[in-house]
Amino acid sequence: MSFIKNIDKSEVLTLKEQVSYQKGQVVSKPLAQNDALSVTLFAFDKDEEISTHESGGDAFVTCLDGVGRITIDGKAYELHEGESIVMPAKHPHAVYGQEQFKMLLVVVF
């Protein structure tokens, strides 16, 4: 049985190399998904976004590359490589590629 998918196991990985930028797109690569947890890698081309929405779980974002803008309850936060933020459950939030931007998203339900 495999709980984590779409990446190699038992080897050292650089997460930002596991998802690629695509012109004019937001690319997502799910790594794990169940009723309690969702783990997904994202690559946002510059000026691409996931518009305002709410999640049923707390969403933990870590910037892997570039610069992203995370908006929570109407307040914008700039995220740089190595920085993280939590988007709380049931609060409106959005993600925008201020530059090309890669992130790891972990949602805990």
PDB file of N, CA and C in Angstrom:
ATOM      1  N   MET A   1       0.840  -1.185   0.000  1.00  0.00           N
ATOM      2  CA  MET A   1       0.000   0.000   0.000  1.00  0.00           C
ATOM      3  C   MET A   1       0.886   1.250   0.000  1.00  0.00           C
ATOM      4  N   SER A   2       0.492   2.239  -0.759  1.00  0.00           N
ATOM      5  CA  SER A   2       1.258   3.469  -0.857  1.00  0.00           C
ATOM      6  C   SER A   2       0.379   4.650  -0.467  1.00  0.00           C
ATOM      7  N   PHE A   3       0.848   5.439   0.487  1.00  0.00           N
ATOM      8  CA  PHE A   3       0.088   6.594   0.950  1.00  0.00           C
ATOM      9  C   PHE A   3       0.489   7.863   0.211  1.00  0.00           C
ATOM     10  N   ILE A   4       1.766   7.948  -0.182  1.00  0.00           N
ATOM     11  CA  ILE A   4       2.265   9.095  -0.928  1.00  0.00           C
ATOM     12  C   ILE A   4       2.481   8.661  -2.365  1.00  0.00           C
ATOM     13  N   LYS A   5       1.998   9.483  -3.317  1.00  0.00           N
ATOM     14  CA  LYS A   5       2.073   9.127  -4.729  1.00  0.00           C
ATOM     15  C   LYS A   5       2.778  10.229  -5.517  1.00  0.00           C
ATOM     16  N   ASN A   6       3.090   9.934  -6.746  1.00  0.00           N
ATOM     17  CA  ASN A   6       3.603  10.892  -7.730  1.00  0.00           C
ATOM     18  C   ASN A   6       5.011  11.430  -7.472  1.00  0.00           C
ATOM     19  N   ILE A   7       5.720  10.878  -6.480  1.00  0.00           N
ATOM     20  CA  ILE A   7       7.138  11.201  -6.297  1.00  0.00           C
ATOM     21  C   ILE A   7       7.880   9.931  -5.899  1.00  0.00           C
ATOM     22  N   ASP A   8       9.178   9.919  -6.187  1.00  0.00           N
ATOM     23  CA  ASP A   8       9.996   8.756  -5.850  1.00  0.00           C
ATOM     24  C   ASP A   8      10.149   8.634  -4.337  1.00  0.00           C
ATOM     25  N   LYS A   9      10.246   7.409  -3.894  1.00  0.00           N
ATOM     26  CA  LYS A   9      10.431   7.127  -2.474  1.00  0.00           C
ATOM     27  C   LYS A   9      11.858   6.621  -2.239  1.00  0.00           C
ATOM     28  N   SER A  10      12.294   6.704  -1.024  1.00  0.00           N
ATOM     29  CA  SER A  10      13.613   6.219  -0.593  1.00  0.00           C
ATOM     30  C   SER A  10      14.743   6.867  -1.373  1.00  0.00           C
ATOM     31  N   GLU A  11      14.567   8.164  -1.688  1.00  0.00           N
ATOM     32  CA  GLU A  11      15.655   8.931  -2.278  1.00  0.00           C
ATOM     33  C   GLU A  11      15.502  10.390  -1.884  1.00  0.00           C
ATOM     34  N   VAL A  12      16.633  11.096  -1.835  1.00  0.00           N
ATOM     35  CA  VAL A  12      16.613  12.508  -1.472  1.00  0.00           C
ATOM     36  C   VAL A  12      16.047  13.310  -2.644  1.00  0.00           C
ATOM     37  N   LEU A  13      15.070  14.159  -2.341  1.00  0.00           N
ATOM     38  CA  LEU A  13      14.392  14.954  -3.367  1.00  0.00           C
ATOM     39  C   LEU A  13      14.502  16.440  -3.052  1.00  0.00           C
ATOM     40  N   THR A  14      14.477  17.248  -4.081  1.00  0.00           N
ATOM     41  CA  THR A  14      14.291  18.690  -3.938  1.00  0.00           C
ATOM     42  C   THR A  14      12.871  18.970  -4.399  1.00  0.00           C
ATOM     43  N   LEU A  15      12.008  19.340  -3.455  1.00  0.00           N
ATOM     44  CA  LEU A  15      10.576  19.450  -3.769  1.00  0.00           C
ATOM     45  C   LEU A  15      10.291  20.380  -4.931  1.00  0.00           C
ATOM     46  N   LYS A  16      10.992  21.516  -5.011  1.00  0.00           N
ATOM     47  CA  LYS A  16      10.677  22.476  -6.076  1.00  0.00           C
ATOM     48  C   LYS A  16      11.004  21.925  -7.459  1.00  0.00           C
ATOM     49  N   GLU A  17      11.787  20.872  -7.531  1.00  0.00           N
ATOM     50  CA  GLU A  17      12.089  20.239  -8.821  1.00  0.00           C
ATOM     51  C   GLU A  17      11.040  19.187  -9.209  1.00  0.00           C
ATOM     52  N   GLN A  18      10.072  18.947  -8.337  1.00  0.00           N
ATOM     53  CA  GLN A  18       9.087  17.890  -8.568  1.00  0.00           C
ATOM     54  C   GLN A  18       7.832  18.389  -9.289  1.00  0.00           C
ATOM     55  N   VAL A  19       7.761  19.698  -9.535  1.00  0.00           N
ATOM     56  CA  VAL A  19       6.643  20.277 -10.281  1.00  0.00           C
ATOM     57  C   VAL A  19       7.216  21.366 -11.185  1.00  0.00           C
ATOM     58  N   SER A  20       6.679  21.466 -12.401  1.00  0.00           N
ATOM     59  CA  SER A  20       7.248  22.375 -13.404  1.00  0.00           C
ATOM     60  C   SER A  20       6.304  23.532 -13.713  1.00  0.00           C
ATOM     61  N   TYR A  21       6.890  24.679 -14.009  1.00  0.00           N
ATOM     62  CA  TYR A  21       6.105  25.819 -14.472  1.00  0.00           C
ATOM     63  C   TYR A  21       5.583  25.544 -15.874  1.00  0.00           C
ATOM     64  N   GLN A  22       4.361  25.997 -16.155  1.00  0.00           N
ATOM     65  CA  GLN A  22       3.775  25.946 -17.490  1.00  0.00           C
ATOM     66  C   GLN A  22       3.239  27.335 -17.793  1.00  0.00           C
ATOM     67  N   LYS A  23       3.560  27.840 -18.968  1.00  0.00           N
ATOM     68  CA  LYS A  23       3.160  29.209 -19.334  1.00  0.00           C
ATOM     69  C   LYS A  23       1.639  29.376 -19.211  1.00  0.00           C
ATOM     70  N   GLY A  24       1.245  30.423 -18.489  1.00  0.00           N
ATOM     71  CA  GLY A  24      -0.166  30.773 -18.362  1.00  0.00           C
ATOM     72  C   GLY A  24      -1.003  29.811 -17.534  1.00  0.00           C
ATOM     73  N   GLN A  25      -0.347  28.993 -16.686  1.00  0.00           N
ATOM     74  CA  GLN A  25      -1.097  27.980 -15.948  1.00  0.00           C
ATOM     75  C   GLN A  25      -0.722  27.912 -14.473  1.00  0.00           C
ATOM     76  N   VAL A  26      -1.617  27.312 -13.729  1.00  0.00           N
ATOM     77  CA  VAL A  26      -1.335  26.835 -12.379  1.00  0.00           C
ATOM     78  C   VAL A  26      -1.265  25.318 -12.494  1.00  0.00           C
ATOM     79  N   VAL A  27      -0.121  24.747 -12.172  1.00  0.00           N
ATOM     80  CA  VAL A  27       0.072  23.295 -12.245  1.00  0.00           C
ATOM     81  C   VAL A  27       0.005  22.734 -10.829  1.00  0.00           C
ATOM     82  N   SER A  28      -0.778  21.671 -10.645  1.00  0.00           N
ATOM     83  CA  SER A  28      -0.838  21.021  -9.334  1.00  0.00           C
ATOM     84  C   SER A  28      -0.434  19.561  -9.472  1.00  0.00           C
ATOM     85  N   LYS A  29       0.239  19.078  -8.443  1.00  0.00           N
ATOM     86  CA  LYS A  29       0.688  17.680  -8.412  1.00  0.00           C
ATOM     87  C   LYS A  29       0.347  17.112  -7.031  1.00  0.00           C
ATOM     88  N   PRO A  30      -0.765  16.363  -6.940  1.00  0.00           N
ATOM     89  CA  PRO A  30      -1.155  15.802  -5.642  1.00  0.00           C
ATOM     90  C   PRO A  30      -0.174  14.725  -5.190  1.00  0.00           C
ATOM     91  N   LEU A  31       0.193  14.786  -3.913  1.00  0.00           N
ATOM     92  CA  LEU A  31       1.109  13.798  -3.339  1.00  0.00           C
ATOM     93  C   LEU A  31       0.401  12.859  -2.369  1.00  0.00           C
ATOM     94  N   ALA A  32      -0.640  13.357  -1.710  1.00  0.00           N
ATOM     95  CA  ALA A  32      -1.416  12.517  -0.784  1.00  0.00           C
ATOM     96  C   ALA A  32      -2.793  13.145  -0.605  1.00  0.00           C
ATOM     97  N   GLN A  33      -3.795  12.291  -0.484  1.00  0.00           N
ATOM     98  CA  GLN A  33      -5.167  12.790  -0.337  1.00  0.00           C
ATOM     99  C   GLN A  33      -5.984  11.745   0.408  1.00  0.00           C
ATOM    100  N   ASN A  34      -6.561  12.158   1.530  1.00  0.00           N
ATOM    101  CA  ASN A  34      -7.524  11.311   2.228  1.00  0.00           C
ATOM    102  C   ASN A  34      -8.451  12.213   3.037  1.00  0.00           C
ATOM    103  N   ASP A  35      -9.294  11.631   3.883  1.00  0.00           N
ATOM    104  CA  ASP A  35     -10.278  12.429   4.614  1.00  0.00           C
ATOM    105  C   ASP A  35      -9.654  13.362   5.642  1.00  0.00           C
ATOM    106  N   ALA A  36      -8.417  13.091   6.057  1.00  0.00           N
ATOM    107  CA  ALA A  36      -7.781  13.876   7.110  1.00  0.00           C
ATOM    108  C   ALA A  36      -6.715  14.837   6.597  1.00  0.00           C
ATOM    109  N   LEU A  37      -6.194  14.583   5.351  1.00  0.00           N
ATOM    110  CA  LEU A  37      -5.008  15.299   4.901  1.00  0.00           C
ATOM    111  C   LEU A  37      -4.974  15.399   3.382  1.00  0.00           C
ATOM    112  N   SER A  38      -4.478  16.536   2.902  1.00  0.00           N
ATOM    113  CA  SER A  38      -4.223  16.713   1.477  1.00  0.00           C
ATOM    114  C   SER A  38      -2.851  17.366   1.339  1.00  0.00           C
ATOM    115  N   VAL A  39      -1.971  16.786   0.524  1.00  0.00           N
ATOM    116  CA  VAL A  39      -0.633  17.337   0.291  1.00  0.00           C
ATOM    117  C   VAL A  39      -0.467  17.505  -1.216  1.00  0.00           C
ATOM    118  N   THR A  40      -0.209  18.746  -1.661  1.00  0.00           N
ATOM    119  CA  THR A  40      -0.129  19.037  -3.092  1.00  0.00           C
ATOM    120  C   THR A  40       1.000  20.024  -3.363  1.00  0.00           C
ATOM    121  N   LEU A  41       1.758  19.768  -4.434  1.00  0.00           N
ATOM    122  CA  LEU A  41       2.738  20.729  -4.934  1.00  0.00           C
ATOM    123  C   LEU A  41       2.063  21.585  -5.996  1.00  0.00           C
ATOM    124  N   PHE A  42       2.370  22.880  -6.015  1.00  0.00           N
ATOM    125  CA  PHE A  42       1.828  23.798  -7.009  1.00  0.00           C
ATOM    126  C   PHE A  42       2.943  24.592  -7.659  1.00  0.00           C
ATOM    127  N   ALA A  43       2.771  24.908  -8.949  1.00  0.00           N
ATOM    128  CA  ALA A  43       3.636  25.843  -9.665  1.00  0.00           C
ATOM    129  C   ALA A  43       2.730  26.852 -10.364  1.00  0.00           C
ATOM    130  N   PHE A  44       2.861  28.114  -9.988  1.00  0.00           N
ATOM    131  CA  PHE A  44       2.069  29.202 -10.569  1.00  0.00           C
ATOM    132  C   PHE A  44       2.950  29.972 -11.538  1.00  0.00           C
ATOM    133  N   ASP A  45       2.504  30.144 -12.769  1.00  0.00           N
ATOM    134  CA  ASP A  45       3.187  31.073 -13.651  1.00  0.00           C
ATOM    135  C   ASP A  45       2.902  32.482 -13.134  1.00  0.00           C
ATOM    136  N   LYS A  46       3.735  33.432 -13.506  1.00  0.00           N
ATOM    137  CA  LYS A  46       3.545  34.826 -13.081  1.00  0.00           C
ATOM    138  C   LYS A  46       2.136  35.282 -13.463  1.00  0.00           C
ATOM    139  N   ASP A  47       1.475  35.933 -12.523  1.00  0.00           N
ATOM    140  CA  ASP A  47       0.130  36.498 -12.683  1.00  0.00           C
ATOM    141  C   ASP A  47      -0.988  35.457 -12.735  1.00  0.00           C
ATOM    142  N   GLU A  48      -0.686  34.197 -12.479  1.00  0.00           N
ATOM    143  CA  GLU A  48      -1.745  33.180 -12.389  1.00  0.00           C
ATOM    144  C   GLU A  48      -2.194  33.078 -10.935  1.00  0.00           C
ATOM    145  N   GLU A  49      -3.433  32.610 -10.732  1.00  0.00           N
ATOM    146  CA  GLU A  49      -3.955  32.589  -9.370  1.00  0.00           C
ATOM    147  C   GLU A  49      -5.001  31.511  -9.151  1.00  0.00           C
ATOM    148  N   ILE A  50      -5.225  31.235  -7.887  1.00  0.00           N
ATOM    149  CA  ILE A  50      -6.399  30.491  -7.427  1.00  0.00           C
ATOM    150  C   ILE A  50      -7.231  31.531  -6.710  1.00  0.00           C
ATOM    151  N   SER A  51      -8.413  31.821  -7.248  1.00  0.00           N
ATOM    152  CA  SER A  51      -9.226  32.920  -6.730  1.00  0.00           C
ATOM    153  C   SER A  51      -9.764  32.605  -5.331  1.00  0.00           C
ATOM    154  N   THR A  52     -10.354  33.599  -4.736  1.00  0.00           N
ATOM    155  CA  THR A  52     -10.825  33.518  -3.351  1.00  0.00           C
ATOM    156  C   THR A  52     -11.806  32.356  -3.160  1.00  0.00           C
ATOM    157  N   HIS A  53     -11.526  31.570  -2.142  1.00  0.00           N
ATOM    158  CA  HIS A  53     -12.362  30.425  -1.783  1.00  0.00           C
ATOM    159  C   HIS A  53     -12.138  30.128  -0.301  1.00  0.00           C
ATOM    160  N   GLU A  54     -12.867  29.149   0.218  1.00  0.00           N
ATOM    161  CA  GLU A  54     -12.682  28.703   1.599  1.00  0.00           C
ATOM    162  C   GLU A  54     -12.416  27.208   1.590  1.00  0.00           C
ATOM    163  N   SER A  55     -11.724  26.750   2.622  1.00  0.00           N
ATOM    164  CA  SER A  55     -11.421  25.326   2.764  1.00  0.00           C
ATOM    165  C   SER A  55     -11.983  24.826   4.083  1.00  0.00           C
ATOM    166  N   GLY A  56     -12.326  23.560   4.114  1.00  0.00           N
ATOM    167  CA  GLY A  56     -12.824  22.955   5.345  1.00  0.00           C
ATOM    168  C   GLY A  56     -11.725  22.605   6.330  1.00  0.00           C
ATOM    169  N   GLY A  57     -10.461  22.769   5.914  1.00  0.00           N
ATOM    170  CA  GLY A  57      -9.338  22.456   6.797  1.00  0.00           C
ATOM    171  C   GLY A  57      -8.351  23.605   6.859  1.00  0.00           C
ATOM    172  N   ASP A  58      -7.459  23.547   7.844  1.00  0.00           N
ATOM    173  CA  ASP A  58      -6.368  24.512   7.916  1.00  0.00           C
ATOM    174  C   ASP A  58      -5.374  24.196   6.801  1.00  0.00           C
ATOM    175  N   ALA A  59      -4.980  25.225   6.046  1.00  0.00           N
ATOM    176  CA  ALA A  59      -4.108  25.051   4.883  1.00  0.00           C
ATOM    177  C   ALA A  59      -2.739  25.670   5.178  1.00  0.00           C
ATOM    178  N   PHE A  60      -1.718  24.836   5.252  1.00  0.00           N
ATOM    179  CA  PHE A  60      -0.350  25.250   5.552  1.00  0.00           C
ATOM    180  C   PHE A  60       0.416  25.358   4.239  1.00  0.00           C
ATOM    181  N   VAL A  61       0.900  26.562   3.919  1.00  0.00           N
ATOM    182  CA  VAL A  61       1.609  26.814   2.663  1.00  0.00           C
ATOM    183  C   VAL A  61       3.080  27.097   2.952  1.00  0.00           C
ATOM    184  N   THR A  62       3.971  26.448   2.218  1.00  0.00           N
ATOM    185  CA  THR A  62       5.400  26.763   2.259  1.00  0.00           C
ATOM    186  C   THR A  62       5.850  27.125   0.856  1.00  0.00           C
ATOM    187  N   CYS A  63       6.476  28.307   0.714  1.00  0.00           N
ATOM    188  CA  CYS A  63       7.008  28.743  -0.571  1.00  0.00           C
ATOM    189  C   CYS A  63       8.298  27.984  -0.863  1.00  0.00           C
ATOM    190  N   LEU A  64       8.346  27.334  -2.028  1.00  0.00           N
ATOM    191  CA  LEU A  64       9.517  26.564  -2.443  1.00  0.00           C
ATOM    192  C   LEU A  64      10.391  27.329  -3.425  1.00  0.00           C
ATOM    193  N   ASP A  65       9.785  28.312  -4.133  1.00  0.00           N
ATOM    194  CA  ASP A  65      10.504  29.044  -5.172  1.00  0.00           C
ATOM    195  C   ASP A  65       9.705  30.290  -5.526  1.00  0.00           C
ATOM    196  N   GLY A  66      10.399  31.374  -5.849  1.00  0.00           N
ATOM    197  CA  GLY A  66       9.731  32.573  -6.341  1.00  0.00           C
ATOM    198  C   GLY A  66       9.055  33.384  -5.259  1.00  0.00           C
ATOM    199  N   VAL A  67       8.042  34.141  -5.672  1.00  0.00           N
ATOM    200  CA  VAL A  67       7.307  35.015  -4.754  1.00  0.00           C
ATOM    201  C   VAL A  67       5.813  34.856  -5.017  1.00  0.00           C
ATOM    202  N   GLY A  68       5.081  34.562  -3.954  1.00  0.00           N
ATOM    203  CA  GLY A  68       3.635  34.442  -4.053  1.00  0.00           C
ATOM    204  C   GLY A  68       2.950  35.416  -3.124  1.00  0.00           C
ATOM    205  N   ARG A  69       1.702  35.716  -3.445  1.00  0.00           N
ATOM    206  CA  ARG A  69       0.896  36.565  -2.573  1.00  0.00           C
ATOM    207  C   ARG A  69      -0.284  35.738  -2.074  1.00  0.00           C
ATOM    208  N   ILE A  70      -0.365  35.615  -0.769  1.00  0.00           N
ATOM    209  CA  ILE A  70      -1.446  34.886  -0.123  1.00  0.00           C
ATOM    210  C   ILE A  70      -2.370  35.926   0.498  1.00  0.00           C
ATOM    211  N   THR A  71      -3.658  35.858   0.179  1.00  0.00           N
ATOM    212  CA  THR A  71      -4.624  36.786   0.756  1.00  0.00           C
ATOM    213  C   THR A  71      -5.552  35.996   1.668  1.00  0.00           C
ATOM    214  N   ILE A  72      -5.634  36.436   2.921  1.00  0.00           N
ATOM    215  CA  ILE A  72      -6.497  35.792   3.918  1.00  0.00           C
ATOM    216  C   ILE A  72      -7.393  36.862   4.516  1.00  0.00           C
ATOM    217  N   ASP A  73      -8.707  36.643   4.466  1.00  0.00           N
ATOM    218  CA  ASP A  73      -9.668  37.628   4.995  1.00  0.00           C
ATOM    219  C   ASP A  73      -9.391  39.022   4.442  1.00  0.00           C
ATOM    220  N   GLY A  74      -8.995  39.115   3.175  1.00  0.00           N
ATOM    221  CA  GLY A  74      -8.779  40.400   2.531  1.00  0.00           C
ATOM    222  C   GLY A  74      -7.411  41.033   2.790  1.00  0.00           C
ATOM    223  N   LYS A  75      -6.582  40.426   3.632  1.00  0.00           N
ATOM    224  CA  LYS A  75      -5.245  40.954   3.920  1.00  0.00           C
ATOM    225  C   LYS A  75      -4.209  40.157   3.133  1.00  0.00           C
ATOM    226  N   ALA A  76      -3.323  40.879   2.414  1.00  0.00           N
ATOM    227  CA  ALA A  76      -2.315  40.231   1.560  1.00  0.00           C
ATOM    228  C   ALA A  76      -1.007  40.027   2.310  1.00  0.00           C
ATOM    229  N   TYR A  77      -0.387  38.866   2.087  1.00  0.00           N
ATOM    230  CA  TYR A  77       0.911  38.512   2.659  1.00  0.00           C
ATOM    231  C   TYR A  77       1.812  38.070   1.516  1.00  0.00           C
ATOM    232  N   GLU A  78       3.038  38.571   1.486  1.00  0.00           N
ATOM    233  CA  GLU A  78       3.997  38.168   0.458  1.00  0.00           C
ATOM    234  C   GLU A  78       4.847  37.030   1.007  1.00  0.00           C
ATOM    235  N   LEU A  79       4.961  35.967   0.232  1.00  0.00           N
ATOM    236  CA  LEU A  79       5.682  34.773   0.668  1.00  0.00           C
ATOM    237  C   LEU A  79       6.883  34.546  -0.241  1.00  0.00           C
ATOM    238  N   HIS A  80       8.063  34.400   0.367  1.00  0.00           N
ATOM    239  CA  HIS A  80       9.310  34.145  -0.359  1.00  0.00           C
ATOM    240  C   HIS A  80       9.817  32.746  -0.027  1.00  0.00           C
ATOM    241  N   GLU A  81      10.753  32.266  -0.817  1.00  0.00           N
ATOM    242  CA  GLU A  81      11.300  30.923  -0.637  1.00  0.00           C
ATOM    243  C   GLU A  81      11.676  30.666   0.826  1.00  0.00           C
ATOM    244  N   GLY A  82      11.183  29.543   1.353  1.00  0.00           N
ATOM    245  CA  GLY A  82      11.475  29.154   2.724  1.00  0.00           C
ATOM    246  C   GLY A  82      10.479  29.672   3.743  1.00  0.00           C
ATOM    247  N   GLU A  83       9.587  30.584   3.330  1.00  0.00           N
ATOM    248  CA  GLU A  83       8.603  31.134   4.260  1.00  0.00           C
ATOM    249  C   GLU A  83       7.289  30.356   4.174  1.00  0.00           C
ATOM    250  N   SER A  84       6.544  30.363   5.282  1.00  0.00           N
ATOM    251  CA  SER A  84       5.286  29.620   5.368  1.00  0.00           C
ATOM    252  C   SER A  84       4.200  30.478   5.998  1.00  0.00           C
ATOM    253  N   ILE A  85       2.955  30.093   5.745  1.00  0.00           N
ATOM    254  CA  ILE A  85       1.796  30.746   6.363  1.00  0.00           C
ATOM    255  C   ILE A  85       0.676  29.716   6.462  1.00  0.00           C
ATOM    256  N   VAL A  86      -0.185  29.901   7.452  1.00  0.00           N
ATOM    257  CA  VAL A  86      -1.370  29.044   7.592  1.00  0.00           C
ATOM    258  C   VAL A  86      -2.604  29.853   7.215  1.00  0.00           C
ATOM    259  N   MET A  87      -3.374  29.303   6.276  1.00  0.00           N
ATOM    260  CA  MET A  87      -4.666  29.876   5.906  1.00  0.00           C
ATOM    261  C   MET A  87      -5.710  29.105   6.720  1.00  0.00           C
ATOM    262  N   PRO A  88      -6.334  29.752   7.720  1.00  0.00           N
ATOM    263  CA  PRO A  88      -7.236  29.004   8.605  1.00  0.00           C
ATOM    264  C   PRO A  88      -8.501  28.510   7.909  1.00  0.00           C
ATOM    265  N   ALA A  89      -8.991  27.391   8.383  1.00  0.00           N
ATOM    266  CA  ALA A  89     -10.214  26.785   7.850  1.00  0.00           C
ATOM    267  C   ALA A  89     -11.366  27.783   7.893  1.00  0.00           C
ATOM    268  N   LYS A  90     -12.192  27.717   6.859  1.00  0.00           N
ATOM    269  CA  LYS A  90     -13.430  28.497   6.760  1.00  0.00           C
ATOM    270  C   LYS A  90     -13.194  30.010   6.720  1.00  0.00           C
ATOM    271  N   HIS A  91     -11.985  30.437   6.345  1.00  0.00           N
ATOM    272  CA  HIS A  91     -11.693  31.851   6.117  1.00  0.00           C
ATOM    273  C   HIS A  91     -11.407  32.030   4.630  1.00  0.00           C
ATOM    274  N   PRO A  92     -11.961  33.073   4.000  1.00  0.00           N
ATOM    275  CA  PRO A  92     -11.692  33.269   2.569  1.00  0.00           C
ATOM    276  C   PRO A  92     -10.205  33.545   2.331  1.00  0.00           C
ATOM    277  N   HIS A  93      -9.659  32.864   1.315  1.00  0.00           N
ATOM    278  CA  HIS A  93      -8.255  33.051   0.974  1.00  0.00           C
ATOM    279  C   HIS A  93      -8.041  32.843  -0.523  1.00  0.00           C
ATOM    280  N   ALA A  94      -6.924  33.378  -1.013  1.00  0.00           N
ATOM    281  CA  ALA A  94      -6.566  33.262  -2.425  1.00  0.00           C
ATOM    282  C   ALA A  94      -5.050  33.184  -2.527  1.00  0.00           C
ATOM    283  N   VAL A  95      -4.566  32.641  -3.657  1.00  0.00           N
ATOM    284  CA  VAL A  95      -3.129  32.509  -3.898  1.00  0.00           C
ATOM    285  C   VAL A  95      -2.829  33.068  -5.283  1.00  0.00           C
ATOM    286  N   TYR A  96      -1.784  33.910  -5.372  1.00  0.00           N
ATOM    287  CA  TYR A  96      -1.449  34.605  -6.612  1.00  0.00           C
ATOM    288  C   TYR A  96       0.061  34.527  -6.854  1.00  0.00           C
ATOM    289  N   GLY A  97       0.444  34.209  -8.074  1.00  0.00           N
ATOM    290  CA  GLY A  97       1.855  34.180  -8.448  1.00  0.00           C
ATOM    291  C   GLY A  97       2.347  35.580  -8.775  1.00  0.00           C
ATOM    292  N   GLN A  98       2.890  36.249  -7.781  1.00  0.00           N
ATOM    293  CA  GLN A  98       3.401  37.602  -7.989  1.00  0.00           C
ATOM    294  C   GLN A  98       4.575  37.561  -8.979  1.00  0.00           C
ATOM    295  N   GLU A  99       5.391  36.512  -8.856  1.00  0.00           N
ATOM    296  CA  GLU A  99       6.374  36.102  -9.857  1.00  0.00           C
ATOM    297  C   GLU A  99       6.046  34.637 -10.092  1.00  0.00           C
ATOM    298  N   GLN A 100       6.856  33.927 -10.866  1.00  0.00           N
ATOM    299  CA  GLN A 100       6.663  32.479 -10.879  1.00  0.00           C
ATOM    300  C   GLN A 100       6.840  32.017  -9.440  1.00  0.00           C
ATOM    301  N   PHE A 101       6.011  31.073  -9.023  1.00  0.00           N
ATOM    302  CA  PHE A 101       5.894  30.739  -7.605  1.00  0.00           C
ATOM    303  C   PHE A 101       5.573  29.258  -7.454  1.00  0.00           C
ATOM    304  N   LYS A 102       6.365  28.554  -6.648  1.00  0.00           N
ATOM    305  CA  LYS A 102       6.063  27.158  -6.311  1.00  0.00           C
ATOM    306  C   LYS A 102       5.804  27.051  -4.825  1.00  0.00           C
ATOM    307  N   MET A 103       4.843  26.207  -4.483  1.00  0.00           N
ATOM    308  CA  MET A 103       4.511  26.038  -3.080  1.00  0.00           C
ATOM    309  C   MET A 103       4.116  24.598  -2.776  1.00  0.00           C
ATOM    310  N   LEU A 104       4.308  24.238  -1.525  1.00  0.00           N
ATOM    311  CA  LEU A 104       3.799  22.983  -0.984  1.00  0.00           C
ATOM    312  C   LEU A 104       2.590  23.348  -0.138  1.00  0.00           C
ATOM    313  N   LEU A 105       1.467  22.714  -0.418  1.00  0.00           N
ATOM    314  CA  LEU A 105       0.233  22.945   0.333  1.00  0.00           C
ATOM    315  C   LEU A 105      -0.115  21.685   1.111  1.00  0.00           C
ATOM    316  N   VAL A 106      -0.259  21.844   2.430  1.00  0.00           N
ATOM    317  CA  VAL A 106      -0.696  20.746   3.290  1.00  0.00           C
ATOM    318  C   VAL A 106      -1.977  21.207   3.976  1.00  0.00           C
ATOM    319  N   VAL A 107      -3.086  20.531   3.669  1.00  0.00           N
ATOM    320  CA  VAL A 107      -4.364  20.868   4.286  1.00  0.00           C
ATOM    321  C   VAL A 107      -4.716  19.764   5.285  1.00  0.00           C
ATOM    322  N   VAL A 108      -4.976  20.168   6.527  1.00  0.00           N
ATOM    323  CA  VAL A 108      -5.317  19.231   7.584  1.00  0.00           C
ATOM    324  C   VAL A 108      -6.784  19.436   7.930  1.00  0.00           C
ATOM    325  N   PHE A 109      -7.569  18.347   7.823  1.00  0.00           N
ATOM    326  CA  PHE A 109      -9.011  18.412   8.067  1.00  0.00           C
ATOM    327  C   PHE A 109      -9.365  17.856   9.445  1.00  0.00           C
TER     328      PHE A 109
END
